[in-house]
Amino acid sequence: IVLDDWVDQESLKGRDGFSMASFLEFID
């Protein structure tokens, strides 16, 4: 699990980023 990859992905989403659902999907 490389958190930096998820942070980069979510940063592109703006206000819609950094949700629990997207974090769980990333981990899965």
PDB file of all heavy atoms in Angstrom:
ATOM      1  N   ILE A   1       0.860  -1.173   0.000  1.00  0.00           N
ATOM      2  CA  ILE A   1       0.000   0.000   0.000  1.00  0.00           C
ATOM      3  C   ILE A   1       0.902   1.230   0.000  1.00  0.00           C
ATOM      4  O   ILE A   1       1.610   1.501   0.967  1.00  0.00           O
ATOM      5  CB  ILE A   1      -0.915   0.040   1.250  1.00  0.00           C
ATOM      6  CG1 ILE A   1      -1.674  -1.272   1.423  1.00  0.00           C
ATOM      7  CG2 ILE A   1      -1.847   1.229   1.199  1.00  0.00           C
ATOM      8  CD1 ILE A   1      -2.623  -1.616   0.319  1.00  0.00           C
ATOM      9  N   VAL A   2       0.882   1.970  -1.105  1.00  0.00           N
ATOM     10  CA  VAL A   2       1.710   3.175  -1.228  1.00  0.00           C
ATOM     11  C   VAL A   2       0.786   4.379  -1.166  1.00  0.00           C
ATOM     12  O   VAL A   2       0.146   4.744  -2.157  1.00  0.00           O
ATOM     13  CB  VAL A   2       2.532   3.160  -2.542  1.00  0.00           C
ATOM     14  CG1 VAL A   2       3.408   4.393  -2.637  1.00  0.00           C
ATOM     15  CG2 VAL A   2       3.356   1.888  -2.632  1.00  0.00           C
ATOM     16  N   LEU A   3       0.695   4.977   0.014  1.00  0.00           N
ATOM     17  CA  LEU A   3      -0.243   6.071   0.244  1.00  0.00           C
ATOM     18  C   LEU A   3      -0.013   7.247  -0.700  1.00  0.00           C
ATOM     19  O   LEU A   3      -0.965   7.889  -1.125  1.00  0.00           O
ATOM     20  CB  LEU A   3      -0.166   6.538   1.702  1.00  0.00           C
ATOM     21  CG  LEU A   3      -1.230   7.535   2.128  1.00  0.00           C
ATOM     22  CD1 LEU A   3      -2.610   6.892   2.079  1.00  0.00           C
ATOM     23  CD2 LEU A   3      -0.949   8.072   3.503  1.00  0.00           C
ATOM     24  N   ASP A   4       1.222   7.502  -1.072  1.00  0.00           N
ATOM     25  CA  ASP A   4       1.505   8.623  -1.976  1.00  0.00           C
ATOM     26  C   ASP A   4       0.766   8.470  -3.304  1.00  0.00           C
ATOM     27  O   ASP A   4       0.324   9.462  -3.884  1.00  0.00           O
ATOM     28  CB  ASP A   4       3.011   8.744  -2.242  1.00  0.00           C
ATOM     29  CG  ASP A   4       3.769   9.291  -1.050  1.00  0.00           C
ATOM     30  OD1 ASP A   4       3.138   9.858  -0.136  1.00  0.00           O
ATOM     31  OD2 ASP A   4       5.003   9.141  -1.028  1.00  0.00           O
ATOM     32  N   ASP A   5       0.625   7.246  -3.788  1.00  0.00           N
ATOM     33  CA  ASP A   5      -0.106   7.007  -5.038  1.00  0.00           C
ATOM     34  C   ASP A   5      -1.561   7.413  -4.890  1.00  0.00           C
ATOM     35  O   ASP A   5      -2.137   8.035  -5.783  1.00  0.00           O
ATOM     36  CB  ASP A   5      -0.014   5.538  -5.455  1.00  0.00           C
ATOM     37  CG  ASP A   5       1.388   5.121  -5.863  1.00  0.00           C
ATOM     38  OD1 ASP A   5       2.230   6.017  -6.100  1.00  0.00           O
ATOM     39  OD2 ASP A   5       1.634   3.909  -5.927  1.00  0.00           O
ATOM     40  N   TRP A   6      -2.162   7.072  -3.770  1.00  0.00           N
ATOM     41  CA  TRP A   6      -3.560   7.431  -3.532  1.00  0.00           C
ATOM     42  C   TRP A   6      -3.710   8.942  -3.378  1.00  0.00           C
ATOM     43  O   TRP A   6      -4.635   9.532  -3.937  1.00  0.00           O
ATOM     44  CB  TRP A   6      -4.099   6.708  -2.299  1.00  0.00           C
ATOM     45  CG  TRP A   6      -5.508   7.052  -1.988  1.00  0.00           C
ATOM     46  CD1 TRP A   6      -6.626   6.641  -2.661  1.00  0.00           C
ATOM     47  CD2 TRP A   6      -5.979   7.897  -0.936  1.00  0.00           C
ATOM     48  NE1 TRP A   6      -7.759   7.181  -2.085  1.00  0.00           N
ATOM     49  CE2 TRP A   6      -7.377   7.957  -1.021  1.00  0.00           C
ATOM     50  CE3 TRP A   6      -5.337   8.612   0.073  1.00  0.00           C
ATOM     51  CZ2 TRP A   6      -8.152   8.695  -0.141  1.00  0.00           C
ATOM     52  CZ3 TRP A   6      -6.117   9.351   0.956  1.00  0.00           C
ATOM     53  CH2 TRP A   6      -7.500   9.392   0.839  1.00  0.00           C
ATOM     54  N   VAL A   7      -2.806   9.572  -2.653  1.00  0.00           N
ATOM     55  CA  VAL A   7      -2.869  11.028  -2.453  1.00  0.00           C
ATOM     56  C   VAL A   7      -2.773  11.735  -3.805  1.00  0.00           C
ATOM     57  O   VAL A   7      -3.541  12.670  -4.075  1.00  0.00           O
ATOM     58  CB  VAL A   7      -1.766  11.501  -1.482  1.00  0.00           C
ATOM     59  CG1 VAL A   7      -1.663  13.017  -1.473  1.00  0.00           C
ATOM     60  CG2 VAL A   7      -2.038  10.985  -0.075  1.00  0.00           C
ATOM     61  N   ASP A   8      -1.864  11.289  -4.666  1.00  0.00           N
ATOM     62  CA  ASP A   8      -1.738  11.890  -5.996  1.00  0.00           C
ATOM     63  C   ASP A   8      -3.033  11.744  -6.781  1.00  0.00           C
ATOM     64  O   ASP A   8      -3.501  12.693  -7.417  1.00  0.00           O
ATOM     65  CB  ASP A   8      -0.589  11.246  -6.777  1.00  0.00           C
ATOM     66  CG  ASP A   8       0.777  11.589  -6.213  1.00  0.00           C
ATOM     67  OD1 ASP A   8       0.886  12.542  -5.407  1.00  0.00           O
ATOM     68  OD2 ASP A   8       1.749  10.889  -6.565  1.00  0.00           O
ATOM     69  N   GLN A   9      -3.626  10.558  -6.728  1.00  0.00           N
ATOM     70  CA  GLN A   9      -4.880  10.280  -7.435  1.00  0.00           C
ATOM     71  C   GLN A   9      -5.999  11.172  -6.913  1.00  0.00           C
ATOM     72  O   GLN A   9      -6.752  11.765  -7.675  1.00  0.00           O
ATOM     73  CB  GLN A   9      -5.221   8.805  -7.235  1.00  0.00           C
ATOM     74  CG  GLN A   9      -6.625   8.399  -7.566  1.00  0.00           C
ATOM     75  CD  GLN A   9      -6.918   6.989  -7.056  1.00  0.00           C
ATOM     76  OE1 GLN A   9      -6.163   6.072  -7.332  1.00  0.00           O
ATOM     77  NE2 GLN A   9      -7.990   6.824  -6.323  1.00  0.00           N
ATOM     78  N   GLU A  10      -6.111  11.293  -5.604  1.00  0.00           N
ATOM     79  CA  GLU A  10      -7.194  12.056  -5.001  1.00  0.00           C
ATOM     80  C   GLU A  10      -7.018  13.562  -5.177  1.00  0.00           C
ATOM     81  O   GLU A  10      -7.989  14.295  -5.270  1.00  0.00           O
ATOM     82  CB  GLU A  10      -7.321  11.724  -3.510  1.00  0.00           C
ATOM     83  CG  GLU A  10      -7.746  10.293  -3.249  1.00  0.00           C
ATOM     84  CD  GLU A  10      -9.076   9.940  -3.900  1.00  0.00           C
ATOM     85  OE1 GLU A  10     -10.107  10.504  -3.488  1.00  0.00           O
ATOM     86  OE2 GLU A  10      -9.081   9.100  -4.819  1.00  0.00           O
ATOM     87  N   SER A  11      -5.789  14.018  -5.239  1.00  0.00           N
ATOM     88  CA  SER A  11      -5.523  15.450  -5.419  1.00  0.00           C
ATOM     89  C   SER A  11      -6.102  15.961  -6.729  1.00  0.00           C
ATOM     90  O   SER A  11      -6.495  17.125  -6.832  1.00  0.00           O
ATOM     91  CB  SER A  11      -4.020  15.723  -5.382  1.00  0.00           C
ATOM     92  OG  SER A  11      -3.506  15.427  -4.112  1.00  0.00           O
ATOM     93  N   LEU A  12      -6.175  15.094  -7.724  1.00  0.00           N
ATOM     94  CA  LEU A  12      -6.732  15.475  -9.017  1.00  0.00           C
ATOM     95  C   LEU A  12      -8.243  15.653  -8.978  1.00  0.00           C
ATOM     96  O   LEU A  12      -8.814  16.289  -9.860  1.00  0.00           O
ATOM     97  CB  LEU A  12      -6.359  14.428 -10.072  1.00  0.00           C
ATOM     98  CG  LEU A  12      -4.863  14.233 -10.326  1.00  0.00           C
ATOM     99  CD1 LEU A  12      -4.642  13.052 -11.267  1.00  0.00           C
ATOM    100  CD2 LEU A  12      -4.240  15.499 -10.869  1.00  0.00           C
ATOM    101  N   LYS A  13      -8.894  15.122  -7.965  1.00  0.00           N
ATOM    102  CA  LYS A  13     -10.356  15.173  -7.856  1.00  0.00           C
ATOM    103  C   LYS A  13     -10.870  16.449  -7.190  1.00  0.00           C
ATOM    104  O   LYS A  13     -12.072  16.682  -7.150  1.00  0.00           O
ATOM    105  CB  LYS A  13     -10.868  13.971  -7.071  1.00  0.00           C
ATOM    106  CG  LYS A  13     -10.628  12.655  -7.740  1.00  0.00           C
ATOM    107  CD  LYS A  13     -11.162  11.528  -6.884  1.00  0.00           C
ATOM    108  CE  LYS A  13     -10.917  10.179  -7.481  1.00  0.00           C
ATOM    109  NZ  LYS A  13     -11.414   9.105  -6.591  1.00  0.00           N
ATOM    110  N   GLY A  14      -9.990  17.236  -6.607  1.00  0.00           N
ATOM    111  CA  GLY A  14     -10.423  18.459  -5.926  1.00  0.00           C
ATOM    112  C   GLY A  14     -11.257  18.138  -4.702  1.00  0.00           C
ATOM    113  O   GLY A  14     -10.922  17.264  -3.912  1.00  0.00           O
ATOM    114  N   ARG A  15     -12.382  18.827  -4.573  1.00  0.00           N
ATOM    115  CA  ARG A  15     -13.240  18.676  -3.386  1.00  0.00           C
ATOM    116  C   ARG A  15     -13.871  17.294  -3.271  1.00  0.00           C
ATOM    117  O   ARG A  15     -14.318  16.902  -2.204  1.00  0.00           O
ATOM    118  CB  ARG A  15     -14.342  19.721  -3.390  1.00  0.00           C
ATOM    119  CG  ARG A  15     -13.810  21.111  -3.276  1.00  0.00           C
ATOM    120  CD  ARG A  15     -14.920  22.093  -3.129  1.00  0.00           C
ATOM    121  NE  ARG A  15     -14.456  23.038  -2.125  1.00  0.00           N
ATOM    122  CZ  ARG A  15     -15.226  23.687  -1.311  1.00  0.00           C
ATOM    123  NH1 ARG A  15     -16.520  23.518  -1.356  1.00  0.00           N
ATOM    124  NH2 ARG A  15     -14.716  24.531  -0.441  1.00  0.00           N
ATOM    125  N   ASP A  16     -13.939  16.564  -4.375  1.00  0.00           N
ATOM    126  CA  ASP A  16     -14.553  15.233  -4.357  1.00  0.00           C
ATOM    127  C   ASP A  16     -13.570  14.148  -3.912  1.00  0.00           C
ATOM    128  O   ASP A  16     -13.945  12.997  -3.778  1.00  0.00           O
ATOM    129  CB  ASP A  16     -15.103  14.872  -5.737  1.00  0.00           C
ATOM    130  CG  ASP A  16     -16.258  15.763  -6.142  1.00  0.00           C
ATOM    131  OD1 ASP A  16     -16.984  16.243  -5.245  1.00  0.00           O
ATOM    132  OD2 ASP A  16     -16.426  15.993  -7.351  1.00  0.00           O
ATOM    133  N   GLY A  17     -12.327  14.515  -3.703  1.00  0.00           N
ATOM    134  CA  GLY A  17     -11.311  13.541  -3.341  1.00  0.00           C
ATOM    135  C   GLY A  17     -11.238  13.287  -1.849  1.00  0.00           C
ATOM    136  O   GLY A  17     -11.923  13.903  -1.046  1.00  0.00           O
ATOM    137  N   PHE A  18     -10.394  12.349  -1.509  1.00  0.00           N
ATOM    138  CA  PHE A  18     -10.088  12.000  -0.127  1.00  0.00           C
ATOM    139  C   PHE A  18     -11.307  11.487   0.655  1.00  0.00           C
ATOM    140  O   PHE A  18     -11.579  11.931   1.759  1.00  0.00           O
ATOM    141  CB  PHE A  18      -9.421  13.179   0.598  1.00  0.00           C
ATOM    142  CG  PHE A  18      -8.121  13.569  -0.029  1.00  0.00           C
ATOM    143  CD1 PHE A  18      -8.064  14.613  -0.933  1.00  0.00           C
ATOM    144  CD2 PHE A  18      -6.969  12.855   0.249  1.00  0.00           C
ATOM    145  CE1 PHE A  18      -6.864  14.957  -1.546  1.00  0.00           C
ATOM    146  CE2 PHE A  18      -5.764  13.192  -0.352  1.00  0.00           C
ATOM    147  CZ  PHE A  18      -5.719  14.258  -1.255  1.00  0.00           C
ATOM    148  N   SER A  19     -11.992  10.539   0.037  1.00  0.00           N
ATOM    149  CA  SER A  19     -13.124   9.908   0.718  1.00  0.00           C
ATOM    150  C   SER A  19     -12.720   8.530   1.221  1.00  0.00           C
ATOM    151  O   SER A  19     -11.784   7.917   0.708  1.00  0.00           O
ATOM    152  CB  SER A  19     -14.320   9.774  -0.227  1.00  0.00           C
ATOM    153  OG  SER A  19     -14.051   8.805  -1.223  1.00  0.00           O
ATOM    154  N   MET A  20     -13.433   8.074   2.216  1.00  0.00           N
ATOM    155  CA  MET A  20     -13.186   6.734   2.743  1.00  0.00           C
ATOM    156  C   MET A  20     -13.429   5.697   1.654  1.00  0.00           C
ATOM    157  O   MET A  20     -12.646   4.760   1.508  1.00  0.00           O
ATOM    158  CB  MET A  20     -14.096   6.475   3.947  1.00  0.00           C
ATOM    159  CG  MET A  20     -13.973   5.070   4.499  1.00  0.00           C
ATOM    160  SD  MET A  20     -12.396   4.734   5.274  1.00  0.00           S
ATOM    161  CE  MET A  20     -12.743   5.353   6.898  1.00  0.00           C
ATOM    162  N   ALA A  21     -14.488   5.885   0.872  1.00  0.00           N
ATOM    163  CA  ALA A  21     -14.811   4.917  -0.182  1.00  0.00           C
ATOM    164  C   ALA A  21     -13.662   4.779  -1.177  1.00  0.00           C
ATOM    165  O   ALA A  21     -13.276   3.664  -1.537  1.00  0.00           O
ATOM    166  CB  ALA A  21     -16.091   5.327  -0.895  1.00  0.00           C
ATOM    167  N   SER A  22     -13.087   5.897  -1.609  1.00  0.00           N
ATOM    168  CA  SER A  22     -11.994   5.811  -2.578  1.00  0.00           C
ATOM    169  C   SER A  22     -10.741   5.213  -1.936  1.00  0.00           C
ATOM    170  O   SER A  22      -9.986   4.498  -2.596  1.00  0.00           O
ATOM    171  CB  SER A  22     -11.683   7.181  -3.186  1.00  0.00           C
ATOM    172  OG  SER A  22     -11.146   8.057  -2.229  1.00  0.00           O
ATOM    173  N   PHE A  23     -10.523   5.466  -0.651  1.00  0.00           N
ATOM    174  CA  PHE A  23      -9.377   4.896   0.036  1.00  0.00           C
ATOM    175  C   PHE A  23      -9.530   3.378   0.149  1.00  0.00           C
ATOM    176  O   PHE A  23      -8.583   2.629  -0.090  1.00  0.00           O
ATOM    177  CB  PHE A  23      -9.222   5.533   1.411  1.00  0.00           C
ATOM    178  CG  PHE A  23      -7.922   5.214   2.098  1.00  0.00           C
ATOM    179  CD1 PHE A  23      -6.718   5.447   1.474  1.00  0.00           C
ATOM    180  CD2 PHE A  23      -7.906   4.700   3.380  1.00  0.00           C
ATOM    181  CE1 PHE A  23      -5.503   5.174   2.103  1.00  0.00           C
ATOM    182  CE2 PHE A  23      -6.706   4.422   4.030  1.00  0.00           C
ATOM    183  CZ  PHE A  23      -5.508   4.660   3.378  1.00  0.00           C
ATOM    184  N   LEU A  24     -10.722   2.919   0.482  1.00  0.00           N
ATOM    185  CA  LEU A  24     -10.970   1.478   0.574  1.00  0.00           C
ATOM    186  C   LEU A  24     -10.791   0.805  -0.784  1.00  0.00           C
ATOM    187  O   LEU A  24     -10.195  -0.275  -0.872  1.00  0.00           O
ATOM    188  CB  LEU A  24     -12.367   1.213   1.130  1.00  0.00           C
ATOM    189  CG  LEU A  24     -12.605   1.656   2.573  1.00  0.00           C
ATOM    190  CD1 LEU A  24     -14.068   1.488   2.939  1.00  0.00           C
ATOM    191  CD2 LEU A  24     -11.710   0.916   3.543  1.00  0.00           C
ATOM    192  N   GLU A  25     -11.277   1.458  -1.846  1.00  0.00           N
ATOM    193  CA  GLU A  25     -11.106   0.912  -3.195  1.00  0.00           C
ATOM    194  C   GLU A  25      -9.625   0.829  -3.554  1.00  0.00           C
ATOM    195  O   GLU A  25      -9.175  -0.158  -4.139  1.00  0.00           O
ATOM    196  CB  GLU A  25     -11.844   1.779  -4.215  1.00  0.00           C
ATOM    197  CG  GLU A  25     -13.345   1.641  -4.140  1.00  0.00           C
ATOM    198  CD  GLU A  25     -14.065   2.663  -5.015  1.00  0.00           C
ATOM    199  OE1 GLU A  25     -13.433   3.235  -5.945  1.00  0.00           O
ATOM    200  OE2 GLU A  25     -15.252   2.891  -4.764  1.00  0.00           O
ATOM    201  N   PHE A  26      -8.870   1.872  -3.206  1.00  0.00           N
ATOM    202  CA  PHE A  26      -7.436   1.882  -3.481  1.00  0.00           C
ATOM    203  C   PHE A  26      -6.732   0.722  -2.768  1.00  0.00           C
ATOM    204  O   PHE A  26      -5.918   0.027  -3.357  1.00  0.00           O
ATOM    205  CB  PHE A  26      -6.835   3.232  -3.050  1.00  0.00           C
ATOM    206  CG  PHE A  26      -5.348   3.271  -3.154  1.00  0.00           C
ATOM    207  CD1 PHE A  26      -4.739   3.449  -4.403  1.00  0.00           C
ATOM    208  CD2 PHE A  26      -4.547   3.128  -2.037  1.00  0.00           C
ATOM    209  CE1 PHE A  26      -3.350   3.481  -4.505  1.00  0.00           C
ATOM    210  CE2 PHE A  26      -3.170   3.157  -2.140  1.00  0.00           C
ATOM    211  CZ  PHE A  26      -2.566   3.331  -3.388  1.00  0.00           C
ATOM    212  N   ILE A  27      -7.066   0.511  -1.515  1.00  0.00           N
ATOM    213  CA  ILE A  27      -6.453  -0.582  -0.753  1.00  0.00           C
ATOM    214  C   ILE A  27      -6.819  -1.926  -1.371  1.00  0.00           C
ATOM    215  O   ILE A  27      -5.952  -2.780  -1.561  1.00  0.00           O
ATOM    216  CB  ILE A  27      -6.846  -0.517   0.733  1.00  0.00           C
ATOM    217  CG1 ILE A  27      -6.186   0.692   1.387  1.00  0.00           C
ATOM    218  CG2 ILE A  27      -6.452  -1.804   1.460  1.00  0.00           C
ATOM    219  CD1 ILE A  27      -6.643   0.967   2.801  1.00  0.00           C
ATOM    220  N   ASP A  28      -8.093  -2.113  -1.691  1.00  0.00           N
ATOM    221  CA  ASP A  28      -8.534  -3.368  -2.307  1.00  0.00           C
ATOM    222  C   ASP A  28      -7.783  -3.638  -3.603  1.00  0.00           C
ATOM    223  O   ASP A  28      -7.329  -4.761  -3.848  1.00  0.00           O
ATOM    224  CB  ASP A  28     -10.037  -3.364  -2.542  1.00  0.00           C
ATOM    225  CG  ASP A  28     -10.848  -3.491  -1.272  1.00  0.00           C
ATOM    226  OD1 ASP A  28     -10.284  -3.910  -0.224  1.00  0.00           O
ATOM    227  OD2 ASP A  28     -12.054  -3.150  -1.298  1.00  0.00           O
TER     228      ASP A  28
END
